[in-house]
Protein backbone atom coordinates (compact mmCIF):
# COMPACT_ATOMS: atom_id res chain seq x y z
CA MET A 1 23.11 51.16 98.14
CA LYS A 2 26.57 50.96 99.65
CA GLU A 3 27.50 54.10 101.06
CA SER A 4 30.74 55.95 100.09
CA SER A 5 33.52 56.04 102.01
CA THR A 6 33.58 59.51 102.67
CA LYS A 7 29.57 59.32 103.68
CA LYS A 8 30.50 56.04 106.03
CA HIS A 9 33.06 57.43 108.17
CA ALA A 10 31.68 61.54 107.78
CA PRO A 11 31.01 60.95 111.81
CA ALA A 12 34.72 59.82 112.74
CA LEU A 13 35.84 62.88 110.84
CA LEU A 14 33.43 65.28 112.14
CA GLU A 15 34.42 63.87 115.80
CA MET A 16 38.35 64.19 114.93
CA CYS A 17 38.12 67.76 113.83
CA THR A 18 35.66 68.86 116.98
CA MET A 19 38.28 67.06 119.28
CA PHE A 20 41.18 68.63 117.76
CA TRP A 21 40.57 71.81 116.21
CA ASP A 22 39.10 75.35 116.66
CA THR A 23 38.86 78.10 115.01
CA ASP A 24 40.29 79.89 118.36
CA THR A 25 43.07 77.52 119.40
CA TYR A 26 44.13 75.78 115.77
CA VAL A 27 47.15 77.68 114.97
CA LEU A 28 48.60 77.63 118.41
CA ASP A 29 48.41 74.07 118.99
CA ILE A 30 49.51 73.18 115.40
CA PHE A 31 52.54 75.72 115.48
CA ILE A 32 54.03 74.24 118.44
CA PHE A 33 53.41 70.53 117.52
CA ARG A 34 55.21 71.28 113.86
CA SER A 35 57.75 73.52 115.07
CA ILE A 36 59.08 70.77 117.16
CA VAL A 37 58.91 68.39 114.41
CA VAL A 38 60.67 70.96 111.60
CA ALA A 39 63.35 71.35 114.14
CA ALA A 40 64.04 67.63 114.39
CA ALA A 41 63.97 67.26 110.59
CA ILE A 42 66.49 70.26 110.56
CA PHE A 43 68.64 68.92 112.52
CA PHE A 44 68.38 65.62 110.89
CA ILE A 45 69.20 67.29 107.49
CA TYR A 46 72.30 69.34 108.65
CA LYS A 47 74.26 67.05 110.42
CA TYR A 48 73.64 63.78 107.82
CA THR A 49 73.31 65.36 104.36
CA GLU A 50 75.51 67.58 102.06
CA ASN A 51 75.38 70.74 101.29
CA THR A 52 73.47 70.62 97.71
CA THR A 53 71.01 67.72 99.00
CA ARG A 54 70.78 69.87 102.23
CA TYR A 55 69.23 73.13 100.60
CA PHE A 56 66.44 70.67 99.10
CA LEU A 57 65.35 68.97 101.53
CA ALA A 58 65.07 71.85 103.57
CA ILE A 59 62.91 73.84 100.63
CA LEU A 60 60.97 70.82 100.21
CA LEU A 61 60.36 70.37 104.27
CA PHE A 62 58.97 73.89 104.39
CA SER A 63 56.76 73.72 100.91
CA LEU A 64 55.23 70.22 102.82
CA ILE A 65 54.54 71.87 106.22
CA VAL A 66 52.94 74.83 104.34
CA ILE A 67 50.49 72.51 102.00
CA VAL A 68 49.54 70.04 104.74
CA THR A 69 48.60 72.77 107.47
CA PHE A 70 46.29 74.84 104.94
CA ALA A 71 44.83 71.50 103.93
CA ASP A 72 43.59 70.24 107.24
CA SER A 73 42.87 73.32 108.02
CA TYR A 74 40.29 73.82 105.35
CA PHE A 75 39.12 70.16 105.66
CA CYS A 76 38.17 70.42 109.03
CA ARG A 77 36.78 73.90 108.92
CA SER A 78 34.41 72.82 106.00
CA TRP A 79 33.22 69.93 108.12
CA LEU A 80 32.67 72.20 111.33
CA GLN A 81 30.71 74.56 109.39
CA SER A 82 28.64 72.35 107.01
CA GLY A 83 24.89 72.47 108.20
CA ARG A 84 23.86 69.83 105.56
CA ARG A 85 20.99 67.71 105.93
CA GLY A 86 19.89 65.00 102.93
CA GLY A 87 22.73 66.62 101.07
CA THR A 88 21.56 69.50 99.61
CA GLY A 89 23.84 71.78 100.44
CA ASN A 90 21.32 74.65 100.67
CA ILE A 91 20.35 75.06 104.03
CA SER A 92 23.19 75.61 106.69
CA ILE A 93 23.76 76.84 110.27
CA GLU A 94 27.29 78.10 110.76
CA CYS A 95 28.57 77.39 114.46
CA ARG A 96 31.65 77.96 116.35
CA HIS A 97 33.94 76.13 119.10
CA SER A 98 33.80 77.59 122.42
CA THR A 99 36.68 77.98 124.85
CA GLN A 100 39.25 75.76 124.74
CA GLU A 101 38.12 74.40 128.07
CA ASP A 102 35.37 72.57 126.43
CA ARG A 103 35.99 72.47 123.09
CA ARG A 104 32.85 70.28 122.37
CA GLU A 105 30.40 72.53 123.10
CA LEU A 106 28.92 74.13 120.04
CA LYS A 107 27.50 77.86 120.49
CA CYS A 108 25.62 79.07 117.24
CA ASP A 109 25.94 82.65 116.66
CA SER A 110 21.58 82.79 115.07
CA LEU A 111 20.70 81.78 118.60
CA ASP A 112 20.33 85.27 120.60
CA GLU A 113 20.72 87.23 117.12
CA GLN A 114 16.88 87.45 116.73
CA PRO A 115 14.69 86.62 119.75
CA VAL A 116 11.30 85.16 118.70
CA PRO A 117 8.84 87.67 119.54
CA SER A 118 5.41 86.15 121.34
CA LEU A 119 2.00 86.13 120.42
CA PRO A 120 -0.19 89.53 121.04
CA SER A 121 -3.32 88.74 123.26
CA ILE A 122 -5.98 86.63 121.54
CA SER A 123 -9.77 86.83 122.54
CA TYR A 124 -11.06 83.24 121.80
CA GLU A 125 -12.91 80.08 123.27
CA LYS A 126 -10.94 78.16 125.64
CA PRO A 127 -9.99 74.55 124.28
CA ASN A 128 -11.99 71.63 126.07
CA ILE A 129 -9.73 68.31 125.62
CA MET A 130 -12.72 66.40 126.83
CA GLN A 131 -14.89 67.37 123.66
CA PRO A 132 -13.48 65.65 120.43
CA GLN A 133 -13.67 68.06 117.47
CA SER A 134 -15.41 65.65 115.12
CA SER A 135 -17.17 62.30 115.70
CA GLU A 136 -17.33 61.82 111.80
CA VAL A 137 -13.91 61.84 110.51
CA MET A 138 -10.17 61.36 111.29
CA THR A 139 -8.55 64.41 112.86
CA VAL A 140 -5.44 63.00 113.24
CA THR A 141 -3.13 60.14 111.59
CA PRO A 142 -1.73 57.04 113.19
CA TRP A 143 1.51 58.92 112.88
CA LEU A 144 0.42 61.83 114.98
CA ALA A 145 -0.21 64.18 111.67
CA PRO A 146 -3.16 66.61 111.69
CA VAL A 147 -5.66 66.23 108.98
CA VAL A 148 -7.45 69.64 108.45
CA TRP A 149 -10.81 69.69 108.42
CA THR A 150 -13.88 72.94 108.88
CA GLY A 151 -13.41 73.26 112.79
CA THR A 152 -10.51 72.00 113.31
CA PHE A 153 -8.50 75.25 113.32
CA ASN A 154 -8.32 78.85 114.75
CA ARG A 155 -7.33 81.41 111.89
CA ASP A 156 -6.91 84.23 114.25
CA ILE A 157 -4.42 82.34 116.30
CA LEU A 158 -2.55 80.63 113.51
CA ASN A 159 -2.25 84.30 111.72
CA LYS A 160 -1.39 85.71 114.81
CA ASP A 161 1.66 82.85 115.23
CA PHE A 162 2.53 82.80 111.80
CA GLU A 163 2.90 86.80 111.51
CA ARG A 164 5.97 86.73 114.40
CA LYS A 165 7.68 84.22 111.95
CA ASN A 166 8.41 87.07 109.19
CA CYS A 167 8.04 84.27 106.61
CA THR A 168 7.15 84.54 103.13
CA ILE A 169 5.07 82.22 100.99
CA GLY A 170 5.57 80.89 97.10
CA LEU A 171 2.70 79.42 95.15
CA THR A 172 4.16 77.89 92.09
CA VAL A 173 1.87 77.33 88.79
CA PHE A 174 2.53 75.71 85.42
CA ALA A 175 0.60 77.53 82.57
CA LEU A 176 1.64 75.41 79.37
CA GLY A 177 0.60 75.61 75.84
CA GLY A 178 -3.36 76.19 76.22
CA TYR A 179 -3.29 76.09 79.90
CA TRP A 180 -2.11 79.91 79.77
CA LYS A 181 -5.91 80.80 79.25
CA LEU A 182 -6.74 79.40 82.94
CA LEU A 183 -4.06 81.43 84.33
CA LYS A 184 -5.83 84.45 85.25
CA ARG A 185 -8.94 82.75 86.72
CA PHE A 186 -6.32 81.23 88.55
CA LEU A 187 -4.39 84.10 89.92
CA GLU A 188 -7.36 86.08 90.69
CA SER A 189 -9.04 83.48 92.82
CA ALA A 190 -5.71 83.19 94.65
CA ASP A 191 -5.40 87.20 94.96
CA LYS A 192 -8.58 86.73 96.62
CA PHE A 193 -8.62 83.56 98.94
CA PHE A 194 -4.79 82.54 98.88
CA MET A 195 -2.88 83.77 101.94
CA VAL A 196 -4.66 87.10 102.82
CA GLY A 197 -2.83 89.21 104.87
CA HIS A 198 0.52 87.58 104.08
CA ARG A 199 3.46 87.91 102.08
CA VAL A 200 3.25 85.89 98.68
CA ILE A 201 5.25 85.49 95.64
CA TYR A 202 3.72 83.70 92.97
CA TYR A 203 6.15 81.77 90.55
CA VAL A 204 4.48 81.38 87.09
CA TYR A 205 6.24 78.93 84.53
CA THR A 206 4.80 79.19 81.19
CA ASP A 207 6.11 78.73 77.57
CA LEU A 208 4.40 81.85 76.30
CA PRO A 209 5.35 84.70 78.56
CA GLU A 210 4.34 87.41 76.53
CA LYS A 211 0.63 86.09 76.91
CA VAL A 212 0.87 86.02 80.94
CA GLU A 213 -0.72 89.03 82.56
CA CYS A 214 0.67 88.82 86.48
CA ILE A 215 -1.60 91.56 88.14
CA THR A 216 -1.99 91.52 91.70
CA THR A 217 -4.01 93.70 93.96
CA HIS A 218 -1.69 93.25 97.15
CA THR A 219 1.12 95.23 97.94
CA ASP A 220 2.60 92.43 100.14
CA ARG A 221 2.59 90.14 96.96
CA LYS A 222 4.72 89.38 93.68
CA CYS A 223 4.53 87.79 90.65
CA LYS A 224 7.65 86.01 89.23
CA VAL A 225 7.25 84.52 85.57
CA TYR A 226 9.74 82.37 84.11
CA LYS A 227 9.55 80.82 80.43
CA THR A 228 10.07 77.28 80.22
CA SER A 229 10.16 74.93 77.14
CA SER A 230 7.12 73.77 75.12
CA TYR A 231 6.27 69.81 75.52
CA ASP A 232 4.14 67.75 73.22
CA SER A 233 1.76 66.50 76.16
CA ARG A 234 0.32 67.35 79.13
CA ILE A 235 1.58 64.51 80.60
CA ARG A 236 5.22 65.57 79.66
CA VAL A 237 4.09 68.79 81.78
CA PHE A 238 3.56 67.26 84.71
CA MET A 239 6.30 65.02 84.53
CA LYS A 240 8.92 67.76 83.81
CA ARG A 241 7.71 69.93 86.72
CA MET A 242 9.29 67.98 89.67
CA GLU A 243 12.73 68.45 87.47
CA ILE A 244 11.91 72.06 86.99
CA LEU A 245 11.08 72.62 90.74
CA GLN A 246 14.19 71.05 92.78
CA LEU A 247 16.35 72.58 90.35
CA ASP A 248 14.79 76.22 90.57
CA ILE A 249 15.49 75.26 94.76
CA LYS A 250 18.45 74.36 94.38
CA SER A 251 19.63 77.06 92.30
CA LYS A 252 17.43 79.39 94.59
CA VAL A 253 15.34 81.11 91.77
CA ILE A 254 12.54 79.71 94.46
CA ASN A 255 13.48 81.46 97.39
CA VAL A 256 11.20 81.60 100.12
CA GLN A 257 10.26 79.83 103.62
CA TYR A 258 7.06 77.50 102.50
CA LEU A 259 6.34 76.41 99.16
CA VAL A 260 2.81 75.84 97.89
CA CYS A 261 2.37 74.36 94.63
CA ALA A 262 -0.75 74.04 92.48
CA ASP A 263 -2.18 73.03 88.87
CA VAL A 264 -3.27 75.75 87.21
CA ASP A 265 -7.04 74.25 86.60
CA LEU A 266 -7.65 74.70 90.19
CA VAL A 267 -10.09 77.96 91.27
CA PHE A 268 -9.65 79.03 95.06
CA HIS A 269 -13.06 79.10 96.10
CA ASN A 270 -12.96 80.16 99.93
CA ASP A 271 -10.37 81.29 102.10
CA VAL A 272 -7.50 78.79 102.13
CA GLY A 273 -4.52 80.38 104.72
CA VAL A 274 -1.60 79.14 107.13
CA GLU A 275 -3.44 76.34 108.05
CA ILE A 276 -2.19 74.12 104.97
CA LEU A 277 1.37 75.16 106.20
CA GLY A 278 4.10 72.81 107.62
CA ASP A 279 6.98 70.41 106.95
CA LEU A 280 5.42 68.05 104.09
CA VAL A 281 1.99 68.68 103.38
CA ALA A 282 -0.45 66.22 101.43
CA THR A 283 -4.05 66.57 99.72
CA VAL A 284 -6.70 63.78 100.42
CA HIS A 285 -7.47 62.64 97.00
CA PRO A 286 -11.72 63.17 96.97
CA ASP A 287 -12.33 60.51 94.61
CA TYR A 288 -10.54 58.05 97.16
CA TYR A 289 -10.80 58.93 100.95
CA LYS A 290 -12.75 56.26 101.60
CA ASN A 291 -11.90 53.75 99.62
CA ASP A 292 -9.94 50.85 101.18
CA ARG A 293 -6.06 49.72 100.08
CA GLY A 294 -6.96 47.85 96.82
CA GLY A 295 -9.30 50.73 95.80
CA LEU A 296 -6.51 53.05 95.90
CA MET A 297 -5.03 54.22 92.32
CA TYR A 298 -1.27 53.21 92.94
CA GLU A 299 0.66 52.05 90.95
CA ARG A 300 0.92 48.06 91.12
CA ARG A 301 3.42 46.95 88.61
CA GLU A 302 6.74 46.11 89.75
CA SER A 303 8.43 47.08 87.07
CA SER A 304 7.91 50.83 87.83
CA GLN A 305 9.89 52.97 90.23
CA ALA A 306 6.30 54.22 91.36
CA TYR A 307 5.38 50.53 92.51
CA ILE A 308 3.55 50.36 95.75
CA PRO A 309 2.81 46.73 97.22
CA GLY A 310 -1.44 45.87 97.63
CA ASN A 311 -0.84 45.54 101.46
CA GLU A 312 1.12 48.95 101.24
CA GLY A 313 -0.80 52.62 101.67
CA ASP A 314 -2.09 55.30 103.83
CA PHE A 315 -4.00 57.71 101.41
CA TYR A 316 -4.43 58.62 97.97
CA TYR A 317 -2.96 61.93 97.79
CA GLN A 318 -3.18 64.82 94.80
CA ALA A 319 -0.45 65.94 93.15
CA ASN A 320 -2.05 69.02 91.90
CA PHE A 321 -1.91 70.93 95.87
CA PHE A 322 0.77 70.17 98.22
CA ALA A 323 2.92 72.05 100.22
CA GLY A 324 5.86 72.16 102.94
CA THR A 325 9.11 73.94 103.75
CA VAL A 326 11.49 74.53 100.93
CA LEU A 327 14.00 71.79 101.85
CA GLU A 328 11.03 69.30 101.89
CA ILE A 329 9.51 70.04 98.77
CA TYR A 330 13.53 70.00 97.35
CA ARG A 331 13.79 66.38 98.94
CA LEU A 332 10.12 65.13 97.54
CA THR A 333 10.38 66.72 93.68
CA LYS A 334 14.08 65.48 93.51
CA SER A 335 13.06 61.88 94.65
CA CYS A 336 9.98 62.11 91.87
CA ASP A 337 12.51 63.01 89.32
CA GLU A 338 15.15 60.91 89.58
CA ALA A 339 12.35 57.89 90.03
CA ILE A 340 10.50 59.19 87.08
CA LYS A 341 13.93 59.52 84.69
CA ILE A 342 14.75 55.65 85.49
CA ASP A 343 11.11 54.69 84.32
CA ASP A 344 11.70 56.81 81.31
CA SER A 345 15.02 54.99 80.50
CA LYS A 346 12.94 51.84 80.45
CA GLY A 347 10.19 53.25 78.19
CA ILE A 348 7.54 52.86 81.60
CA ILE A 349 5.35 55.77 82.28
CA ALA A 350 3.66 55.18 85.86
CA VAL A 351 -0.19 54.57 86.08
CA ASN A 352 -1.11 58.33 87.18
CA HIS A 353 2.22 59.64 85.69
CA ASP A 354 3.87 61.89 88.39
CA GLU A 355 1.00 61.45 91.15
CA SER A 356 1.93 57.64 91.07
CA HIS A 357 5.49 58.56 92.19
CA PHE A 358 4.07 61.34 94.32
CA ASN A 359 2.49 58.80 96.68
CA LYS A 360 5.11 56.33 96.51
CA TYR A 361 7.35 59.12 98.02
CA LEU A 362 4.89 60.02 100.73
CA LEU A 363 4.14 56.75 101.60
CA TYR A 364 7.76 56.20 102.91
CA HIS A 365 8.02 60.01 103.70
CA LYS A 366 5.26 60.26 105.82
CA PRO A 367 3.58 63.91 105.37
CA THR A 368 3.61 66.06 108.35
CA LYS A 369 0.02 67.47 107.98
CA LEU A 370 -2.81 66.45 106.02
CA LEU A 371 -5.60 68.11 104.28
CA SER A 372 -9.07 66.92 104.55
CA PRO A 373 -10.92 66.62 100.47
CA GLU A 374 -12.49 70.15 101.49
CA TYR A 375 -9.09 71.31 100.17
CA ILE A 376 -9.61 69.77 96.68
CA TRP A 377 -13.16 68.91 95.31
CA ARG A 378 -14.15 68.05 91.86
CA ARG A 379 -16.71 70.16 90.40
CA ASP A 380 -18.86 67.12 89.44
CA LEU A 381 -18.71 65.44 92.78
CA PRO A 382 -21.85 65.35 94.77
CA VAL A 383 -21.21 66.91 97.84
CA LYS A 384 -20.99 64.64 101.11
CA PRO A 385 -21.85 65.49 104.87
CA GLU A 386 -18.54 65.62 105.89
CA ILE A 387 -17.47 68.40 102.94
CA LYS A 388 -18.38 71.55 105.14
CA THR A 389 -16.15 74.28 103.20
CA ILE A 390 -15.42 73.63 99.77
CA ARG A 391 -12.12 75.57 99.87
CA ILE A 392 -10.69 74.84 95.91
CA ILE A 393 -12.46 73.52 93.13
CA HIS A 394 -10.91 71.65 89.96
CA GLY A 395 -11.64 74.09 87.00
CA GLU A 396 -12.35 73.09 83.37
CA LYS A 397 -8.90 71.44 81.80
CA ASN A 398 -10.48 71.97 78.30
CA VAL A 399 -9.05 75.17 76.62
């Protein structure tokens, strides 16, 4: 896709601002330069024009100088203070220029305001770099993303490290139509096993808020219920979820540091903690984790935005449990929502609905951490030797 002119020339415009403008010296520099220009213009006006024309031109010149000064001041200030990444406009860092002697050096106000506390002393067994943690399963991907299995992490260390970051975790769940009946079981299991000891906000989306009983036994937890529209099918619910999430992140209805997105038919079965958090985290599907590319349930129709060629693919990920920073979840859900709408305009529904688009996105935007099938295991699947601890299981979908 062809870049817009503004986006294409953005680095050059920003460089121009950084070279010639900063908050401390802009007024003085421009005042001196424009004073010379104005003086020369006034001399010309008074020497070569008539009285009536003279006053008109003087007023016009003064107005023009004021407008131009405010315009380029605002323009450069906007560019210098913009911390956008990916065009969302939601996450920014405000910086100022240093002294006039070195205008290119940036100093960020936030760097020294809140020093990061160090880890407390923790007693644990020394890691042995020569001893593999597992000879049965992959623990790191070819793009160096860790794969989380039982035995690959020390939760005590992770908890202490996470506590010093002072972050809040959001957990979203959609309970529409008859699925509201599964919500109580979902929340009770989350209260018992999900992020115990950390601040959590439950974001519950439902078309029947009057039926939702949102109770938590933890003082560091909140539950927020949002009414959504009703949809005529479960497929449509899954498709609209991406749109709702990206809009609520953008509008800051969802306002946390990390976001975990789960389906209401899941049940937390064992502890699920901060080991699942990262920039962009996906869960490997228990049905297909041993399959080659030909056995992965990707969308293979070229007419769909979710299309993945037969010679491509890493893993097949589940869209019923994923996590990440709010920024990365926004990017993922926004991209999936846009692709779903393009397909919808053509009368196309991907083979596995939103999950097909989800997998397409993760193929070309690699997750920074993978959760093993231990984190989502189907109730009717026989437990394999490599599955040491079942963290989450599928609940019954019939309601």
